[in-house]
Amino acid sequence: MARLTSESPLPIALDEELIGCNALHGKEKLLSVIRPQYIILKPSLHGGICGGEEWIALAEKRNIGWWITSALESNIGLNAIAQWCATYNNPLPQGLGTGMLFTDNVEMPLEIRSDCMWFGK
């Protein structure tokens, strides 16, 4: 994977490769050895908000881009992730539209307009 990320003409993002890598040393090693251009963070699968913040700090220290996406959370989880995501000044689009996939979901005034999520109608 390290060779692929260093030789590919296209940027490489790690996604599922991050799952199960929870210790700080393991995260540091993964990012330092593979050197991806991006990482994709799913807080539910990466130690919650604390785990996500740890990944972001390590990525930024290495000039690795990142974005946050949801992992099929209900509207309650999606709302929490969206609020956390809004605390960062990341210009990349974030993947937070999964709440609309469910037919039986907690009612919440979350709405996607164009490419932005809004709270309230």
Foldseek 3Di string as FASTA:
>chain_A
DLVCCVPPPDFDEAECVQAPQADLVSLLVVCVRNVGQEYEAAQVRQVHPVSVVSNVVSCVVSNRHYAYAYDLDAVVVLVVVVVSRVVDPHPDQHHRDNNVVDPDGDDFQWDADDRDIDGDD
